[in-house]
Amino acid sequence: MSKMLIFYEKLKLIIKSIKVCIIINELSGVNIIYQMINNTPNSS
């Protein structure tokens, strides 16, 4: 019973870290798009 509880806690930690990684990836993707928009020579 206690082994299952430990496994469940580890699983929750893994899921939380995966969510954090997904959020970081989305934020870095947004930053890349933002930089691309800013780098376009729209005013000369």
PDB file of N, CA and C in Angstrom:
ATOM      1  N   MET A   1       0.832  -1.205   0.000  1.00  0.00           N
ATOM      2  CA  MET A   1       0.000   0.000   0.000  1.00  0.00           C
ATOM      3  C   MET A   1       0.871   1.262   0.000  1.00  0.00           C
ATOM      4  N   SER A   2       1.876   1.286   0.838  1.00  0.00           N
ATOM      5  CA  SER A   2       2.751   2.457   0.912  1.00  0.00           C
ATOM      6  C   SER A   2       3.583   2.604  -0.362  1.00  0.00           C
ATOM      7  N   LYS A   3       3.917   1.455  -0.988  1.00  0.00           N
ATOM      8  CA  LYS A   3       4.659   1.510  -2.250  1.00  0.00           C
ATOM      9  C   LYS A   3       3.830   2.200  -3.331  1.00  0.00           C
ATOM     10  N   MET A   4       2.538   1.905  -3.361  1.00  0.00           N
ATOM     11  CA  MET A   4       1.649   2.544  -4.332  1.00  0.00           C
ATOM     12  C   MET A   4       1.574   4.049  -4.090  1.00  0.00           C
ATOM     13  N   LEU A   5       1.558   4.437  -2.823  1.00  0.00           N
ATOM     14  CA  LEU A   5       1.485   5.851  -2.474  1.00  0.00           C
ATOM     15  C   LEU A   5       2.740   6.586  -2.943  1.00  0.00           C
ATOM     16  N   ILE A   6       3.906   5.986  -2.717  1.00  0.00           N
ATOM     17  CA  ILE A   6       5.179   6.568  -3.161  1.00  0.00           C
ATOM     18  C   ILE A   6       5.195   6.682  -4.686  1.00  0.00           C
ATOM     19  N   PHE A   7       4.727   5.633  -5.361  1.00  0.00           N
ATOM     20  CA  PHE A   7       4.667   5.633  -6.824  1.00  0.00           C
ATOM     21  C   PHE A   7       3.757   6.751  -7.326  1.00  0.00           C
ATOM     22  N   TYR A   8       2.624   6.938  -6.651  1.00  0.00           N
ATOM     23  CA  TYR A   8       1.663   7.973  -7.036  1.00  0.00           C
ATOM     24  C   TYR A   8       2.264   9.364  -6.866  1.00  0.00           C
ATOM     25  N   GLU A   9       2.989   9.567  -5.769  1.00  0.00           N
ATOM     26  CA  GLU A   9       3.637  10.858  -5.524  1.00  0.00           C
ATOM     27  C   GLU A   9       4.689  11.145  -6.596  1.00  0.00           C
ATOM     28  N   LYS A  10       5.462  10.110  -6.970  1.00  0.00           N
ATOM     29  CA  LYS A  10       6.470  10.278  -8.023  1.00  0.00           C
ATOM     30  C   LYS A  10       5.799  10.606  -9.349  1.00  0.00           C
ATOM     31  N   LEU A  11       4.687   9.940  -9.620  1.00  0.00           N
ATOM     32  CA  LEU A  11       3.942  10.179 -10.853  1.00  0.00           C
ATOM     33  C   LEU A  11       3.445  11.623 -10.912  1.00  0.00           C
ATOM     34  N   LYS A  12       2.950  12.139  -9.788  1.00  0.00           N
ATOM     35  CA  LYS A  12       2.478  13.525  -9.743  1.00  0.00           C
ATOM     36  C   LYS A  12       3.622  14.495 -10.011  1.00  0.00           C
ATOM     37  N   LEU A  13       4.802  14.209  -9.455  1.00  0.00           N
ATOM     38  CA  LEU A  13       5.975  15.054  -9.683  1.00  0.00           C
ATOM     39  C   LEU A  13       6.372  15.055 -11.152  1.00  0.00           C
ATOM     40  N   ILE A  14       6.353  13.866 -11.772  1.00  0.00           N
ATOM     41  CA  ILE A  14       6.709  13.739 -13.186  1.00  0.00           C
ATOM     42  C   ILE A  14       5.728  14.539 -14.043  1.00  0.00           C
ATOM     43  N   ILE A  15       4.441  14.408 -13.757  1.00  0.00           N
ATOM     44  CA  ILE A  15       3.413  15.136 -14.513  1.00  0.00           C
ATOM     45  C   ILE A  15       3.611  16.644 -14.354  1.00  0.00           C
ATOM     46  N   LYS A  16       3.911  17.082 -13.141  1.00  0.00           N
ATOM     47  CA  LYS A  16       4.125  18.505 -12.881  1.00  0.00           C
ATOM     48  C   LYS A  16       5.322  19.029 -13.668  1.00  0.00           C
ATOM     49  N   SER A  17       6.416  18.264 -13.705  1.00  0.00           N
ATOM     50  CA  SER A  17       7.611  18.695 -14.429  1.00  0.00           C
ATOM     51  C   SER A  17       7.367  18.710 -15.936  1.00  0.00           C
ATOM     52  N   ILE A  18       6.571  17.755 -16.436  1.00  0.00           N
ATOM     53  CA  ILE A  18       6.214  17.738 -17.857  1.00  0.00           C
ATOM     54  C   ILE A  18       5.392  18.983 -18.198  1.00  0.00           C
ATOM     55  N   LYS A  19       4.453  19.342 -17.340  1.00  0.00           N
ATOM     56  CA  LYS A  19       3.639  20.541 -17.560  1.00  0.00           C
ATOM     57  C   LYS A  19       4.520  21.784 -17.602  1.00  0.00           C
ATOM     58  N   VAL A  20       5.484  21.867 -16.698  1.00  0.00           N
ATOM     59  CA  VAL A  20       6.410  23.004 -16.662  1.00  0.00           C
ATOM     60  C   VAL A  20       7.207  23.075 -17.963  1.00  0.00           C
ATOM     61  N   CYS A  21       7.682  21.920 -18.438  1.00  0.00           N
ATOM     62  CA  CYS A  21       8.439  21.871 -19.693  1.00  0.00           C
ATOM     63  C   CYS A  21       7.588  22.347 -20.862  1.00  0.00           C
ATOM     64  N   ILE A  22       6.329  21.932 -20.900  1.00  0.00           N
ATOM     65  CA  ILE A  22       5.421  22.342 -21.976  1.00  0.00           C
ATOM     66  C   ILE A  22       5.214  23.854 -21.938  1.00  0.00           C
ATOM     67  N   ILE A  23       5.018  24.403 -20.746  1.00  0.00           N
ATOM     68  CA  ILE A  23       4.818  25.849 -20.596  1.00  0.00           C
ATOM     69  C   ILE A  23       6.058  26.604 -21.062  1.00  0.00           C
ATOM     70  N   ILE A  24       7.250  26.136 -20.672  1.00  0.00           N
ATOM     71  CA  ILE A  24       8.503  26.776 -21.080  1.00  0.00           C
ATOM     72  C   ILE A  24       8.656  26.730 -22.596  1.00  0.00           C
ATOM     73  N   ASN A  25       8.339  25.571 -23.199  1.00  0.00           N
ATOM     74  CA  ASN A  25       8.420  25.443 -24.656  1.00  0.00           C
ATOM     75  C   ASN A  25       7.477  26.413 -25.347  1.00  0.00           C
ATOM     76  N   GLU A  26       6.258  26.550 -24.834  1.00  0.00           N
ATOM     77  CA  GLU A  26       5.289  27.474 -25.423  1.00  0.00           C
ATOM     78  C   GLU A  26       5.775  28.910 -25.299  1.00  0.00           C
ATOM     79  N   LEU A  27       6.325  29.264 -24.137  1.00  0.00           N
ATOM     80  CA  LEU A  27       6.816  30.625 -23.927  1.00  0.00           C
ATOM     81  C   LEU A  27       7.994  30.933 -24.842  1.00  0.00           C
ATOM     82  N   SER A  28       8.914  29.992 -25.005  1.00  0.00           N
ATOM     83  CA  SER A  28      10.065  30.222 -25.876  1.00  0.00           C
ATOM     84  C   SER A  28       9.624  30.311 -27.333  1.00  0.00           C
ATOM     85  N   GLY A  29       8.600  29.530 -27.703  1.00  0.00           N
ATOM     86  CA  GLY A  29       8.038  29.615 -29.053  1.00  0.00           C
ATOM     87  C   GLY A  29       7.440  30.988 -29.302  1.00  0.00           C
ATOM     88  N   VAL A  30       6.717  31.519 -28.310  1.00  0.00           N
ATOM     89  CA  VAL A  30       6.130  32.854 -28.415  1.00  0.00           C
ATOM     90  C   VAL A  30       7.233  33.895 -28.549  1.00  0.00           C
ATOM     91  N   ASN A  31       8.305  33.748 -27.774  1.00  0.00           N
ATOM     92  CA  ASN A  31       9.428  34.683 -27.839  1.00  0.00           C
ATOM     93  C   ASN A  31      10.079  34.676 -29.213  1.00  0.00           C
ATOM     94  N   ILE A  32      10.232  33.491 -29.818  1.00  0.00           N
ATOM     95  CA  ILE A  32      10.827  33.376 -31.153  1.00  0.00           C
ATOM     96  C   ILE A  32       9.956  34.097 -32.176  1.00  0.00           C
ATOM     97  N   ILE A  33       8.643  33.884 -32.097  1.00  0.00           N
ATOM     98  CA  ILE A  33       7.713  34.548 -33.021  1.00  0.00           C
ATOM     99  C   ILE A  33       7.782  36.067 -32.826  1.00  0.00           C
ATOM    100  N   TYR A  34       7.834  36.501 -31.583  1.00  0.00           N
ATOM    101  CA  TYR A  34       7.893  37.926 -31.267  1.00  0.00           C
ATOM    102  C   TYR A  34       9.164  38.552 -31.834  1.00  0.00           C
ATOM    103  N   GLN A  35      10.299  37.843 -31.704  1.00  0.00           N
ATOM    104  CA  GLN A  35      11.567  38.330 -32.250  1.00  0.00           C
ATOM    105  C   GLN A  35      11.513  38.403 -33.769  1.00  0.00           C
ATOM    106  N   MET A  36      10.894  37.405 -34.413  1.00  0.00           N
ATOM    107  CA  MET A  36      10.760  37.406 -35.867  1.00  0.00           C
ATOM    108  C   MET A  36       9.949  38.612 -36.326  1.00  0.00           C
ATOM    109  N   ILE A  37       8.861  38.921 -35.598  1.00  0.00           N
ATOM    110  CA  ILE A  37       8.023  40.079 -35.938  1.00  0.00           C
ATOM    111  C   ILE A  37       8.830  41.368 -35.771  1.00  0.00           C
ATOM    112  N   ASN A  38       9.599  41.460 -34.697  1.00  0.00           N
ATOM    113  CA  ASN A  38      10.381  42.669 -34.430  1.00  0.00           C
ATOM    114  C   ASN A  38      11.534  42.834 -35.410  1.00  0.00           C
ATOM    115  N   ASN A  39      12.069  41.725 -35.936  1.00  0.00           N
ATOM    116  CA  ASN A  39      13.217  41.786 -36.835  1.00  0.00           C
ATOM    117  C   ASN A  39      12.831  42.116 -38.268  1.00  0.00           C
ATOM    118  N   THR A  40      11.530  42.095 -38.590  1.00  0.00           N
ATOM    119  CA  THR A  40      11.113  42.424 -39.954  1.00  0.00           C
ATOM    120  C   THR A  40      11.300  43.918 -40.188  1.00  0.00           C
ATOM    121  N   PRO A  41      12.019  44.278 -41.239  1.00  0.00           N
ATOM    122  CA  PRO A  41      12.278  45.707 -41.518  1.00  0.00           C
ATOM    123  C   PRO A  41      11.029  46.391 -42.071  1.00  0.00           C
ATOM    124  N   ASN A  42      10.199  46.922 -41.170  1.00  0.00           N
ATOM    125  CA  ASN A  42       8.943  47.542 -41.588  1.00  0.00           C
ATOM    126  C   ASN A  42       9.087  49.051 -41.770  1.00  0.00           C
ATOM    127  N   SER A  43      10.115  49.643 -41.171  1.00  0.00           N
ATOM    128  CA  SER A  43      10.343  51.080 -41.342  1.00  0.00           C
ATOM    129  C   SER A  43      11.794  51.307 -41.745  1.00  0.00           C
ATOM    130  N   SER A  44      12.007  52.055 -42.816  1.00  0.00           N
ATOM    131  CA  SER A  44      13.374  52.307 -43.293  1.00  0.00           C
ATOM    132  C   SER A  44      13.708  53.791 -43.210  1.00  0.00           C
TER     133      SER A  44
END
